[in-house]
Amino acid sequence: MPAYVPVYRCSLVRDGSVPVEPKLDSTTKACAACNSLLGDSPCEQLVVVLLDTKHRVIGVCPVTVGTLDASMVHPREVFRPAVIHNASAVIIAHNHPSGDLTPSREDFTAM
């Protein structure tokens, strides 16, 4: 007797829009875009910028919003939007609300 399993369909939900440079083909442009996305948030955040094969931005996905000094993230949450959007490349960025850009111990262990 056959087992019946669920059939799923993935869909994208647009939550809004944000202003970014349409093509991020240099680290300078990528840094500027990520700085504008993360802004002056009082909490640690991690965002994924999704790019096509010509490094044009096809989407931005906030992955986590944490606390003042921490943000839990797992690789599946980072790469899920990239796979669903058929991204060719990604830029992963997170902020340090303290303003100190020195990588923390957790930043190194997350790599």
PDB file of N, CA and C in Angstrom:
ATOM      1  N   MET A   1       0.848  -1.176   0.000  1.00  0.00           N
ATOM      2  CA  MET A   1       0.000   0.000   0.000  1.00  0.00           C
ATOM      3  C   MET A   1       0.896   1.242   0.000  1.00  0.00           C
ATOM      4  N   PRO A   2       0.679   2.213  -0.904  1.00  0.00           N
ATOM      5  CA  PRO A   2       1.548   3.393  -0.966  1.00  0.00           C
ATOM      6  C   PRO A   2       1.299   4.331   0.221  1.00  0.00           C
ATOM      7  N   ALA A   3       2.363   4.992   0.618  1.00  0.00           N
ATOM      8  CA  ALA A   3       2.246   6.007   1.669  1.00  0.00           C
ATOM      9  C   ALA A   3       1.990   7.352   1.005  1.00  0.00           C
ATOM     10  N   TYR A   4       1.155   8.140   1.585  1.00  0.00           N
ATOM     11  CA  TYR A   4       0.876   9.475   1.062  1.00  0.00           C
ATOM     12  C   TYR A   4       1.728  10.484   1.823  1.00  0.00           C
ATOM     13  N   VAL A   5       2.491  11.259   1.076  1.00  0.00           N
ATOM     14  CA  VAL A   5       3.355  12.266   1.673  1.00  0.00           C
ATOM     15  C   VAL A   5       2.923  13.637   1.171  1.00  0.00           C
ATOM     16  N   PRO A   6       3.177  14.672   1.944  1.00  0.00           N
ATOM     17  CA  PRO A   6       2.784  16.021   1.517  1.00  0.00           C
ATOM     18  C   PRO A   6       3.568  16.467   0.282  1.00  0.00           C
ATOM     19  N   VAL A   7       2.933  17.255  -0.538  1.00  0.00           N
ATOM     20  CA  VAL A   7       3.582  17.902  -1.682  1.00  0.00           C
ATOM     21  C   VAL A   7       3.650  19.381  -1.353  1.00  0.00           C
ATOM     22  N   TYR A   8       4.849  19.962  -1.425  1.00  0.00           N
ATOM     23  CA  TYR A   8       5.043  21.362  -1.050  1.00  0.00           C
ATOM     24  C   TYR A   8       5.385  22.209  -2.266  1.00  0.00           C
ATOM     25  N   ARG A   9       5.089  23.488  -2.151  1.00  0.00           N
ATOM     26  CA  ARG A   9       5.479  24.471  -3.150  1.00  0.00           C
ATOM     27  C   ARG A   9       6.048  25.655  -2.388  1.00  0.00           C
ATOM     28  N   CYS A  10       7.231  26.097  -2.757  1.00  0.00           N
ATOM     29  CA  CYS A  10       7.844  27.259  -2.120  1.00  0.00           C
ATOM     30  C   CYS A  10       7.398  28.512  -2.853  1.00  0.00           C
ATOM     31  N   SER A  11       7.130  29.547  -2.108  1.00  0.00           N
ATOM     32  CA  SER A  11       6.774  30.811  -2.732  1.00  0.00           C
ATOM     33  C   SER A  11       7.481  31.942  -1.998  1.00  0.00           C
ATOM     34  N   LEU A  12       7.674  33.035  -2.705  1.00  0.00           N
ATOM     35  CA  LEU A  12       8.335  34.200  -2.137  1.00  0.00           C
ATOM     36  C   LEU A  12       7.277  35.200  -1.705  1.00  0.00           C
ATOM     37  N   VAL A  13       7.554  35.878  -0.609  1.00  0.00           N
ATOM     38  CA  VAL A  13       6.655  36.904  -0.115  1.00  0.00           C
ATOM     39  C   VAL A  13       7.439  38.202  -0.055  1.00  0.00           C
ATOM     40  N   ARG A  14       6.962  39.194  -0.771  1.00  0.00           N
ATOM     41  CA  ARG A  14       7.647  40.489  -0.772  1.00  0.00           C
ATOM     42  C   ARG A  14       7.187  41.289   0.439  1.00  0.00           C
ATOM     43  N   ASP A  15       8.149  41.709   1.265  1.00  0.00           N
ATOM     44  CA  ASP A  15       7.831  42.460   2.475  1.00  0.00           C
ATOM     45  C   ASP A  15       7.970  43.963   2.298  1.00  0.00           C
ATOM     46  N   GLY A  16       8.462  44.412   1.182  1.00  0.00           N
ATOM     47  CA  GLY A  16       8.674  45.838   0.962  1.00  0.00           C
ATOM     48  C   GLY A  16       9.848  46.039   0.043  1.00  0.00           C
ATOM     49  N   SER A  17      10.465  47.205   0.157  1.00  0.00           N
ATOM     50  CA  SER A  17      11.652  47.482  -0.658  1.00  0.00           C
ATOM     51  C   SER A  17      12.579  48.419   0.114  1.00  0.00           C
ATOM     52  N   VAL A  18      13.846  48.372  -0.246  1.00  0.00           N
ATOM     53  CA  VAL A  18      14.853  49.231   0.366  1.00  0.00           C
ATOM     54  C   VAL A  18      15.733  49.788  -0.746  1.00  0.00           C
ATOM     55  N   PRO A  19      16.241  50.997  -0.575  1.00  0.00           N
ATOM     56  CA  PRO A  19      17.107  51.567  -1.610  1.00  0.00           C
ATOM     57  C   PRO A  19      18.535  51.023  -1.500  1.00  0.00           C
ATOM     58  N   VAL A  20      19.023  50.420  -2.569  1.00  0.00           N
ATOM     59  CA  VAL A  20      20.415  49.975  -2.647  1.00  0.00           C
ATOM     60  C   VAL A  20      20.925  50.213  -4.062  1.00  0.00           C
ATOM     61  N   GLU A  21      22.219  50.286  -4.188  1.00  0.00           N
ATOM     62  CA  GLU A  21      22.858  50.383  -5.494  1.00  0.00           C
ATOM     63  C   GLU A  21      22.419  49.158  -6.309  1.00  0.00           C
ATOM     64  N   PRO A  22      21.997  49.335  -7.567  1.00  0.00           N
ATOM     65  CA  PRO A  22      21.478  48.191  -8.321  1.00  0.00           C
ATOM     66  C   PRO A  22      22.512  47.119  -8.645  1.00  0.00           C
ATOM     67  N   LYS A  23      23.795  47.491  -8.710  1.00  0.00           N
ATOM     68  CA  LYS A  23      24.843  46.522  -9.023  1.00  0.00           C
ATOM     69  C   LYS A  23      25.966  46.675  -8.004  1.00  0.00           C
ATOM     70  N   LEU A  24      26.299  45.577  -7.328  1.00  0.00           N
ATOM     71  CA  LEU A  24      27.351  45.612  -6.303  1.00  0.00           C
ATOM     72  C   LEU A  24      28.565  44.865  -6.847  1.00  0.00           C
ATOM     73  N   ASP A  25      29.369  45.576  -7.626  1.00  0.00           N
ATOM     74  CA  ASP A  25      30.516  44.946  -8.280  1.00  0.00           C
ATOM     75  C   ASP A  25      31.844  45.382  -7.683  1.00  0.00           C
ATOM     76  N   SER A  26      31.812  45.922  -6.467  1.00  0.00           N
ATOM     77  CA  SER A  26      33.045  46.266  -5.758  1.00  0.00           C
ATOM     78  C   SER A  26      32.789  46.174  -4.261  1.00  0.00           C
ATOM     79  N   THR A  27      33.865  46.016  -3.515  1.00  0.00           N
ATOM     80  CA  THR A  27      33.693  45.952  -2.057  1.00  0.00           C
ATOM     81  C   THR A  27      33.201  47.285  -1.510  1.00  0.00           C
ATOM     82  N   THR A  28      33.593  48.380  -2.126  1.00  0.00           N
ATOM     83  CA  THR A  28      33.136  49.697  -1.678  1.00  0.00           C
ATOM     84  C   THR A  28      31.618  49.808  -1.789  1.00  0.00           C
ATOM     85  N   LYS A  29      31.074  49.407  -2.932  1.00  0.00           N
ATOM     86  CA  LYS A  29      29.619  49.448  -3.118  1.00  0.00           C
ATOM     87  C   LYS A  29      28.912  48.471  -2.184  1.00  0.00           C
ATOM     88  N   ALA A  30      29.488  47.293  -2.003  1.00  0.00           N
ATOM     89  CA  ALA A  30      28.882  46.291  -1.113  1.00  0.00           C
ATOM     90  C   ALA A  30      28.850  46.806   0.323  1.00  0.00           C
ATOM     91  N   CYS A  31      29.941  47.397   0.779  1.00  0.00           N
ATOM     92  CA  CYS A  31      29.989  47.940   2.148  1.00  0.00           C
ATOM     93  C   CYS A  31      28.976  49.062   2.330  1.00  0.00           C
ATOM     94  N   ALA A  32      28.877  49.945   1.352  1.00  0.00           N
ATOM     95  CA  ALA A  32      27.922  51.052   1.443  1.00  0.00           C
ATOM     96  C   ALA A  32      26.497  50.519   1.503  1.00  0.00           C
ATOM     97  N   ALA A  33      26.194  49.522   0.669  1.00  0.00           N
ATOM     98  CA  ALA A  33      24.849  48.944   0.669  1.00  0.00           C
ATOM     99  C   ALA A  33      24.535  48.302   2.015  1.00  0.00           C
ATOM    100  N   CYS A  34      25.474  47.529   2.552  1.00  0.00           N
ATOM    101  CA  CYS A  34      25.244  46.848   3.830  1.00  0.00           C
ATOM    102  C   CYS A  34      25.133  47.846   4.966  1.00  0.00           C
ATOM    103  N   ASN A  35      25.935  48.910   4.933  1.00  0.00           N
ATOM    104  CA  ASN A  35      25.827  49.944   5.971  1.00  0.00           C
ATOM    105  C   ASN A  35      24.453  50.599   5.939  1.00  0.00           C
ATOM    106  N   SER A  36      23.929  50.862   4.744  1.00  0.00           N
ATOM    107  CA  SER A  36      22.606  51.489   4.671  1.00  0.00           C
ATOM    108  C   SER A  36      21.507  50.517   5.109  1.00  0.00           C
ATOM    109  N   LEU A  37      21.689  49.224   4.839  1.00  0.00           N
ATOM    110  CA  LEU A  37      20.684  48.239   5.247  1.00  0.00           C
ATOM    111  C   LEU A  37      20.661  48.032   6.751  1.00  0.00           C
ATOM    112  N   LEU A  38      21.843  48.002   7.369  1.00  0.00           N
ATOM    113  CA  LEU A  38      21.916  47.726   8.804  1.00  0.00           C
ATOM    114  C   LEU A  38      21.736  48.980   9.639  1.00  0.00           C
ATOM    115  N   GLY A  39      22.079  50.122   9.071  1.00  0.00           N
ATOM    116  CA  GLY A  39      21.840  51.408   9.721  1.00  0.00           C
ATOM    117  C   GLY A  39      22.358  51.504  11.130  1.00  0.00           C
ATOM    118  N   ASP A  40      21.619  52.224  11.930  1.00  0.00           N
ATOM    119  CA  ASP A  40      21.988  52.459  13.325  1.00  0.00           C
ATOM    120  C   ASP A  40      21.162  51.585  14.256  1.00  0.00           C
ATOM    121  N   SER A  41      20.961  50.351  13.879  1.00  0.00           N
ATOM    122  CA  SER A  41      20.142  49.453  14.678  1.00  0.00           C
ATOM    123  C   SER A  41      20.735  49.261  16.066  1.00  0.00           C
ATOM    124  N   PRO A  42      19.902  49.254  17.109  1.00  0.00           N
ATOM    125  CA  PRO A  42      20.395  49.021  18.460  1.00  0.00           C
ATOM    126  C   PRO A  42      20.645  47.541  18.743  1.00  0.00           C
ATOM    127  N   CYS A  43      20.277  46.668  17.804  1.00  0.00           N
ATOM    128  CA  CYS A  43      20.448  45.221  17.980  1.00  0.00           C
ATOM    129  C   CYS A  43      21.323  44.668  16.864  1.00  0.00           C
ATOM    130  N   GLU A  44      22.030  43.577  17.175  1.00  0.00           N
ATOM    131  CA  GLU A  44      22.784  42.896  16.116  1.00  0.00           C
ATOM    132  C   GLU A  44      21.813  42.305  15.115  1.00  0.00           C
ATOM    133  N   GLN A  45      22.142  42.465  13.847  1.00  0.00           N
ATOM    134  CA  GLN A  45      21.332  41.920  12.770  1.00  0.00           C
ATOM    135  C   GLN A  45      22.241  41.256  11.752  1.00  0.00           C
ATOM    136  N   LEU A  46      21.695  40.302  11.019  1.00  0.00           N
ATOM    137  CA  LEU A  46      22.423  39.690   9.915  1.00  0.00           C
ATOM    138  C   LEU A  46      21.514  39.733   8.699  1.00  0.00           C
ATOM    139  N   VAL A  47      22.050  40.230   7.590  1.00  0.00           N
ATOM    140  CA  VAL A  47      21.288  40.295   6.346  1.00  0.00           C
ATOM    141  C   VAL A  47      22.049  39.557   5.253  1.00  0.00           C
ATOM    142  N   VAL A  48      21.291  39.071   4.279  1.00  0.00           N
ATOM    143  CA  VAL A  48      21.855  38.439   3.101  1.00  0.00           C
ATOM    144  C   VAL A  48      21.398  39.257   1.898  1.00  0.00           C
ATOM    145  N   VAL A  49      22.359  39.703   1.116  1.00  0.00           N
ATOM    146  CA  VAL A  49      22.066  40.410  -0.125  1.00  0.00           C
ATOM    147  C   VAL A  49      22.236  39.391  -1.247  1.00  0.00           C
ATOM    148  N   LEU A  50      21.210  39.213  -2.043  1.00  0.00           N
ATOM    149  CA  LEU A  50      21.200  38.203  -3.098  1.00  0.00           C
ATOM    150  C   LEU A  50      21.539  38.841  -4.437  1.00  0.00           C
ATOM    151  N   LEU A  51      22.451  38.211  -5.165  1.00  0.00           N
ATOM    152  CA  LEU A  51      22.932  38.774  -6.424  1.00  0.00           C
ATOM    153  C   LEU A  51      22.726  37.794  -7.575  1.00  0.00           C
ATOM    154  N   ASP A  52      22.534  38.352  -8.779  1.00  0.00           N
ATOM    155  CA  ASP A  52      22.466  37.505  -9.968  1.00  0.00           C
ATOM    156  C   ASP A  52      23.883  37.296 -10.522  1.00  0.00           C
ATOM    157  N   THR A  53      23.998  36.720 -11.695  1.00  0.00           N
ATOM    158  CA  THR A  53      25.319  36.399 -12.251  1.00  0.00           C
ATOM    159  C   THR A  53      26.137  37.633 -12.609  1.00  0.00           C
ATOM    160  N   LYS A  54      25.490  38.780 -12.768  1.00  0.00           N
ATOM    161  CA  LYS A  54      26.203  40.023 -13.079  1.00  0.00           C
ATOM    162  C   LYS A  54      26.342  40.917 -11.843  1.00  0.00           C
ATOM    163  N   HIS A  55      26.108  40.337 -10.672  1.00  0.00           N
ATOM    164  CA  HIS A  55      26.183  41.005  -9.369  1.00  0.00           C
ATOM    165  C   HIS A  55      25.183  42.137  -9.218  1.00  0.00           C
ATOM    166  N   ARG A  56      24.047  41.999  -9.901  1.00  0.00           N
ATOM    167  CA  ARG A  56      22.931  42.922  -9.695  1.00  0.00           C
ATOM    168  C   ARG A  56      22.114  42.393  -8.523  1.00  0.00           C
ATOM    169  N   VAL A  57      21.637  43.308  -7.698  1.00  0.00           N
ATOM    170  CA  VAL A  57      20.875  42.926  -6.510  1.00  0.00           C
ATOM    171  C   VAL A  57      19.490  42.428  -6.935  1.00  0.00           C
ATOM    172  N   ILE A  58      19.154  41.211  -6.524  1.00  0.00           N
ATOM    173  CA  ILE A  58      17.821  40.672  -6.805  1.00  0.00           C
ATOM    174  C   ILE A  58      16.962  40.595  -5.548  1.00  0.00           C
ATOM    175  N   GLY A  59      17.571  40.834  -4.406  1.00  0.00           N
ATOM    176  CA  GLY A  59      16.800  40.828  -3.172  1.00  0.00           C
ATOM    177  C   GLY A  59      17.673  40.995  -1.953  1.00  0.00           C
ATOM    178  N   VAL A  60      17.030  41.370  -0.873  1.00  0.00           N
ATOM    179  CA  VAL A  60      17.680  41.512   0.430  1.00  0.00           C
ATOM    180  C   VAL A  60      16.821  40.763   1.432  1.00  0.00           C
ATOM    181  N   CYS A  61      17.438  39.912   2.220  1.00  0.00           N
ATOM    182  CA  CYS A  61      16.706  39.135   3.216  1.00  0.00           C
ATOM    183  C   CYS A  61      17.304  39.338   4.605  1.00  0.00           C
ATOM    184  N   PRO A  62      16.561  39.971   5.515  1.00  0.00           N
ATOM    185  CA  PRO A  62      17.005  39.988   6.901  1.00  0.00           C
ATOM    186  C   PRO A  62      16.894  38.562   7.444  1.00  0.00           C
ATOM    187  N   VAL A  63      17.965  38.050   8.008  1.00  0.00           N
ATOM    188  CA  VAL A  63      17.973  36.668   8.482  1.00  0.00           C
ATOM    189  C   VAL A  63      17.717  36.608   9.979  1.00  0.00           C
ATOM    190  N   THR A  64      18.416  37.427  10.742  1.00  0.00           N
ATOM    191  CA  THR A  64      18.202  37.428  12.190  1.00  0.00           C
ATOM    192  C   THR A  64      18.253  38.844  12.736  1.00  0.00           C
ATOM    193  N   VAL A  65      17.527  39.038  13.811  1.00  0.00           N
ATOM    194  CA  VAL A  65      17.638  40.237  14.641  1.00  0.00           C
ATOM    195  C   VAL A  65      17.868  39.719  16.039  1.00  0.00           C
ATOM    196  N   GLY A  66      19.002  40.093  16.612  1.00  0.00           N
ATOM    197  CA  GLY A  66      19.370  39.560  17.914  1.00  0.00           C
ATOM    198  C   GLY A  66      19.205  40.574  19.034  1.00  0.00           C
ATOM    199  N   THR A  67      20.141  40.502  19.958  1.00  0.00           N
ATOM    200  CA  THR A  67      20.136  41.394  21.116  1.00  0.00           C
ATOM    201  C   THR A  67      21.203  42.461  20.921  1.00  0.00           C
ATOM    202  N   LEU A  68      21.518  43.146  21.983  1.00  0.00           N
ATOM    203  CA  LEU A  68      22.522  44.200  21.936  1.00  0.00           C
ATOM    204  C   LEU A  68      23.877  43.684  21.464  1.00  0.00           C
ATOM    205  N   ASP A  69      24.232  42.467  21.864  1.00  0.00           N
ATOM    206  CA  ASP A  69      25.589  41.997  21.555  1.00  0.00           C
ATOM    207  C   ASP A  69      25.650  40.573  20.988  1.00  0.00           C
ATOM    208  N   ALA A  70      24.538  40.050  20.513  1.00  0.00           N
ATOM    209  CA  ALA A  70      24.565  38.695  19.964  1.00  0.00           C
ATOM    210  C   ALA A  70      23.419  38.503  18.979  1.00  0.00           C
ATOM    211  N   SER A  71      23.656  37.604  18.037  1.00  0.00           N
ATOM    212  CA  SER A  71      22.623  37.237  17.076  1.00  0.00           C
ATOM    213  C   SER A  71      22.868  35.795  16.663  1.00  0.00           C
ATOM    214  N   MET A  72      21.951  34.921  17.000  1.00  0.00           N
ATOM    215  CA  MET A  72      22.091  33.503  16.661  1.00  0.00           C
ATOM    216  C   MET A  72      21.729  33.294  15.196  1.00  0.00           C
ATOM    217  N   VAL A  73      22.556  32.523  14.498  1.00  0.00           N
ATOM    218  CA  VAL A  73      22.275  32.252  13.095  1.00  0.00           C
ATOM    219  C   VAL A  73      22.793  30.864  12.739  1.00  0.00           C
ATOM    220  N   HIS A  74      22.087  30.208  11.846  1.00  0.00           N
ATOM    221  CA  HIS A  74      22.496  28.892  11.377  1.00  0.00           C
ATOM    222  C   HIS A  74      22.646  28.973   9.860  1.00  0.00           C
ATOM    223  N   PRO A  75      23.589  28.231   9.272  1.00  0.00           N
ATOM    224  CA  PRO A  75      23.787  28.302   7.819  1.00  0.00           C
ATOM    225  C   PRO A  75      22.518  28.076   7.001  1.00  0.00           C
ATOM    226  N   ARG A  76      21.609  27.235   7.456  1.00  0.00           N
ATOM    227  CA  ARG A  76      20.403  26.975   6.659  1.00  0.00           C
ATOM    228  C   ARG A  76      19.561  28.234   6.504  1.00  0.00           C
ATOM    229  N   GLU A  77      19.520  29.105   7.547  1.00  0.00           N
ATOM    230  CA  GLU A  77      18.765  30.356   7.443  1.00  0.00           C
ATOM    231  C   GLU A  77      19.434  31.335   6.494  1.00  0.00           C
ATOM    232  N   VAL A  78      20.762  31.239   6.388  1.00  0.00           N
ATOM    233  CA  VAL A  78      21.506  32.130   5.495  1.00  0.00           C
ATOM    234  C   VAL A  78      21.317  31.703   4.046  1.00  0.00           C
ATOM    235  N   PHE A  79      21.408  30.413   3.777  1.00  0.00           N
ATOM    236  CA  PHE A  79      21.405  29.947   2.398  1.00  0.00           C
ATOM    237  C   PHE A  79      20.014  29.633   1.851  1.00  0.00           C
ATOM    238  N   ARG A  80      19.018  29.482   2.703  1.00  0.00           N
ATOM    239  CA  ARG A  80      17.657  29.219   2.213  1.00  0.00           C
ATOM    240  C   ARG A  80      17.180  30.300   1.250  1.00  0.00           C
ATOM    241  N   PRO A  81      17.297  31.597   1.595  1.00  0.00           N
ATOM    242  CA  PRO A  81      16.835  32.615   0.646  1.00  0.00           C
ATOM    243  C   PRO A  81      17.617  32.585  -0.668  1.00  0.00           C
ATOM    244  N   ALA A  82      18.911  32.278  -0.593  1.00  0.00           N
ATOM    245  CA  ALA A  82      19.718  32.230  -1.809  1.00  0.00           C
ATOM    246  C   ALA A  82      19.243  31.131  -2.747  1.00  0.00           C
ATOM    247  N   VAL A  83      18.914  29.990  -2.200  1.00  0.00           N
ATOM    248  CA  VAL A  83      18.442  28.873  -3.016  1.00  0.00           C
ATOM    249  C   VAL A  83      17.055  29.186  -3.577  1.00  0.00           C
ATOM    250  N   ILE A  84      16.162  29.689  -2.755  1.00  0.00           N
ATOM    251  CA  ILE A  84      14.797  29.981  -3.202  1.00  0.00           C
ATOM    252  C   ILE A  84      14.793  31.056  -4.291  1.00  0.00           C
ATOM    253  N   HIS A  85      15.673  32.063  -4.167  1.00  0.00           N
ATOM    254  CA  HIS A  85      15.724  33.166  -5.134  1.00  0.00           C
ATOM    255  C   HIS A  85      16.604  32.857  -6.347  1.00  0.00           C
ATOM    256  N   ASN A  86      17.205  31.661  -6.404  1.00  0.00           N
ATOM    257  CA  ASN A  86      18.134  31.320  -7.489  1.00  0.00           C
ATOM    258  C   ASN A  86      19.286  32.316  -7.588  1.00  0.00           C
ATOM    259  N   ALA A  87      19.809  32.729  -6.460  1.00  0.00           N
ATOM    260  CA  ALA A  87      20.918  33.681  -6.447  1.00  0.00           C
ATOM    261  C   ALA A  87      22.200  33.006  -6.913  1.00  0.00           C
ATOM    262  N   SER A  88      22.987  33.754  -7.654  1.00  0.00           N
ATOM    263  CA  SER A  88      24.278  33.261  -8.120  1.00  0.00           C
ATOM    264  C   SER A  88      25.367  33.548  -7.083  1.00  0.00           C
ATOM    265  N   ALA A  89      25.176  34.606  -6.309  1.00  0.00           N
ATOM    266  CA  ALA A  89      26.146  35.005  -5.282  1.00  0.00           C
ATOM    267  C   ALA A  89      25.397  35.662  -4.133  1.00  0.00           C
ATOM    268  N   VAL A  90      26.038  35.697  -2.986  1.00  0.00           N
ATOM    269  CA  VAL A  90      25.445  36.352  -1.819  1.00  0.00           C
ATOM    270  C   VAL A  90      26.489  37.215  -1.125  1.00  0.00           C
ATOM    271  N   ILE A  91      25.996  38.229  -0.466  1.00  0.00           N
ATOM    272  CA  ILE A  91      26.808  39.031   0.451  1.00  0.00           C
ATOM    273  C   ILE A  91      26.153  38.866   1.807  1.00  0.00           C
ATOM    274  N   ILE A  92      26.927  38.449   2.790  1.00  0.00           N
ATOM    275  CA  ILE A  92      26.423  38.247   4.142  1.00  0.00           C
ATOM    276  C   ILE A  92      27.044  39.316   5.022  1.00  0.00           C
ATOM    277  N   ALA A  93      26.207  40.055   5.739  1.00  0.00           N
ATOM    278  CA  ALA A  93      26.730  41.134   6.576  1.00  0.00           C
ATOM    279  C   ALA A  93      25.988  41.173   7.903  1.00  0.00           C
ATOM    280  N   HIS A  94      26.713  41.580   8.940  1.00  0.00           N
ATOM    281  CA  HIS A  94      26.058  41.836  10.226  1.00  0.00           C
ATOM    282  C   HIS A  94      26.729  43.033  10.873  1.00  0.00           C
ATOM    283  N   ASN A  95      25.992  43.642  11.760  1.00  0.00           N
ATOM    284  CA  ASN A  95      26.478  44.863  12.403  1.00  0.00           C
ATOM    285  C   ASN A  95      26.941  44.603  13.829  1.00  0.00           C
ATOM    286  N   HIS A  96      27.659  45.573  14.363  1.00  0.00           N
ATOM    287  CA  HIS A  96      28.050  45.610  15.769  1.00  0.00           C
ATOM    288  C   HIS A  96      27.495  46.917  16.323  1.00  0.00           C
ATOM    289  N   PRO A  97      26.374  46.877  17.048  1.00  0.00           N
ATOM    290  CA  PRO A  97      25.771  48.118  17.552  1.00  0.00           C
ATOM    291  C   PRO A  97      26.707  48.944  18.421  1.00  0.00           C
ATOM    292  N   SER A  98      27.717  48.313  19.024  1.00  0.00           N
ATOM    293  CA  SER A  98      28.654  49.055  19.869  1.00  0.00           C
ATOM    294  C   SER A  98      29.484  50.034  19.056  1.00  0.00           C
ATOM    295  N   GLY A  99      29.576  49.797  17.745  1.00  0.00           N
ATOM    296  CA  GLY A  99      30.421  50.646  16.905  1.00  0.00           C
ATOM    297  C   GLY A  99      31.840  50.124  16.790  1.00  0.00           C
ATOM    298  N   ASP A 100      32.219  49.171  17.640  1.00  0.00           N
ATOM    299  CA  ASP A 100      33.547  48.569  17.586  1.00  0.00           C
ATOM    300  C   ASP A 100      33.528  47.466  16.523  1.00  0.00           C
ATOM    301  N   LEU A 101      34.245  47.682  15.438  1.00  0.00           N
ATOM    302  CA  LEU A 101      34.215  46.737  14.320  1.00  0.00           C
ATOM    303  C   LEU A 101      35.209  45.594  14.464  1.00  0.00           C
ATOM    304  N   THR A 102      35.901  45.532  15.590  1.00  0.00           N
ATOM    305  CA  THR A 102      36.815  44.414  15.841  1.00  0.00           C
ATOM    306  C   THR A 102      36.000  43.133  15.951  1.00  0.00           C
ATOM    307  N   PRO A 103      36.342  42.100  15.163  1.00  0.00           N
ATOM    308  CA  PRO A 103      35.579  40.850  15.254  1.00  0.00           C
ATOM    309  C   PRO A 103      35.629  40.263  16.659  1.00  0.00           C
ATOM    310  N   SER A 104      34.483  39.831  17.134  1.00  0.00           N
ATOM    311  CA  SER A 104      34.424  39.201  18.448  1.00  0.00           C
ATOM    312  C   SER A 104      34.854  37.740  18.341  1.00  0.00           C
ATOM    313  N   ARG A 105      35.032  37.093  19.471  1.00  0.00           N
ATOM    314  CA  ARG A 105      35.374  35.677  19.475  1.00  0.00           C
ATOM    315  C   ARG A 105      34.297  34.868  18.748  1.00  0.00           C
ATOM    316  N   GLU A 106      33.040  35.243  18.970  1.00  0.00           N
ATOM    317  CA  GLU A 106      31.926  34.554  18.314  1.00  0.00           C
ATOM    318  C   GLU A 106      31.946  34.745  16.808  1.00  0.00           C
ATOM    319  N   ASP A 107      32.416  35.898  16.340  1.00  0.00           N
ATOM    320  CA  ASP A 107      32.521  36.132  14.903  1.00  0.00           C
ATOM    321  C   ASP A 107      33.487  35.122  14.276  1.00  0.00           C
ATOM    322  N   PHE A 108      34.567  34.840  14.969  1.00  0.00           N
ATOM    323  CA  PHE A 108      35.553  33.888  14.437  1.00  0.00           C
ATOM    324  C   PHE A 108      35.053  32.456  14.523  1.00  0.00           C
ATOM    325  N   THR A 109      34.369  32.104  15.602  1.00  0.00           N
ATOM    326  CA  THR A 109      33.907  30.721  15.752  1.00  0.00           C
ATOM    327  C   THR A 109      32.745  30.433  14.832  1.00  0.00           C
ATOM    328  N   ALA A 110      32.075  31.455  14.343  1.00  0.00           N
ATOM    329  CA  ALA A 110      30.948  31.263  13.427  1.00  0.00           C
ATOM    330  C   ALA A 110      31.413  30.945  12.015  1.00  0.00           C
ATOM    331  N   MET A 111      32.679  31.184  11.733  1.00  0.00           N
ATOM    332  CA  MET A 111      33.166  30.970  10.369  1.00  0.00           C
ATOM    333  C   MET A 111      33.448  29.520  10.094  1.00  0.00           C
TER     334      MET A 111
END
